[in-house]
Amino acid sequence: MGLTETVGYESGVEVRLASFVRTVSSDVASPSDTPYLGFTVVVVNGSRGR
């Protein structure tokens, strides 16, 4: 399974990652000037009241 694929559960809930952005932490972060990947977690609640 890849990072861009949607994961579905028996309950009807689906989860996926989106909006990937490569960036570097600022000089006031700890650790500073460190590459990282930012992303959004998308959750679709299709559980129908379970």
Protein backbone atom coordinates (compact mmCIF):
# COMPACT_ATOMS: atom_id res chain seq x y z
CA MET A 1 0.00 0.00 0.00
CA GLY A 2 1.32 3.44 -0.93
CA LEU A 3 1.02 6.79 0.83
CA THR A 4 -1.59 8.05 -1.64
CA GLU A 5 -3.95 5.09 -1.40
CA THR A 6 -7.22 5.20 0.56
CA VAL A 7 -7.65 2.70 3.41
CA GLY A 8 -11.20 1.48 3.97
CA TYR A 9 -12.52 -0.21 7.09
CA GLU A 10 -15.48 -2.59 7.49
CA SER A 11 -17.32 0.12 9.42
CA GLY A 12 -17.39 2.33 6.31
CA VAL A 13 -14.71 4.76 7.49
CA GLU A 14 -12.08 5.71 4.90
CA VAL A 15 -8.70 7.37 5.58
CA ARG A 16 -6.18 8.83 3.16
CA LEU A 17 -3.25 11.25 3.10
CA ALA A 18 -3.31 14.30 0.80
CA SER A 19 -1.59 17.62 0.01
CA PHE A 20 2.01 16.49 0.45
CA VAL A 21 4.53 19.32 0.88
CA ARG A 22 8.29 19.01 1.36
CA THR A 23 9.65 21.73 3.59
CA VAL A 24 12.35 22.55 6.14
CA SER A 25 11.80 23.46 9.78
CA SER A 26 12.52 27.06 10.79
CA ASP A 27 15.50 28.29 12.78
CA VAL A 28 13.36 28.54 15.94
CA ALA A 29 12.13 24.92 15.67
CA SER A 30 13.82 22.02 17.39
CA PRO A 31 15.59 20.59 15.52
CA SER A 32 16.09 23.59 13.24
CA ASP A 33 16.69 23.47 9.49
CA THR A 34 15.52 19.84 9.25
CA PRO A 35 13.70 18.54 6.15
CA TYR A 36 10.26 17.09 6.74
CA LEU A 37 7.08 16.17 4.88
CA GLY A 38 3.81 17.91 5.70
CA PHE A 39 0.47 16.35 4.75
CA THR A 40 -3.27 16.39 5.45
CA VAL A 41 -5.13 13.41 6.91
CA VAL A 42 -8.58 13.02 5.30
CA VAL A 43 -11.18 10.96 7.18
CA VAL A 44 -14.54 10.12 5.60
CA ASN A 45 -17.03 8.78 8.14
CA GLY A 46 -19.28 6.46 6.18
CA SER A 47 -20.09 4.37 9.26
CA ARG A 48 -23.87 4.92 9.08
CA GLY A 49 -24.33 5.29 12.86
CA ARG A 50 -22.28 2.30 13.98
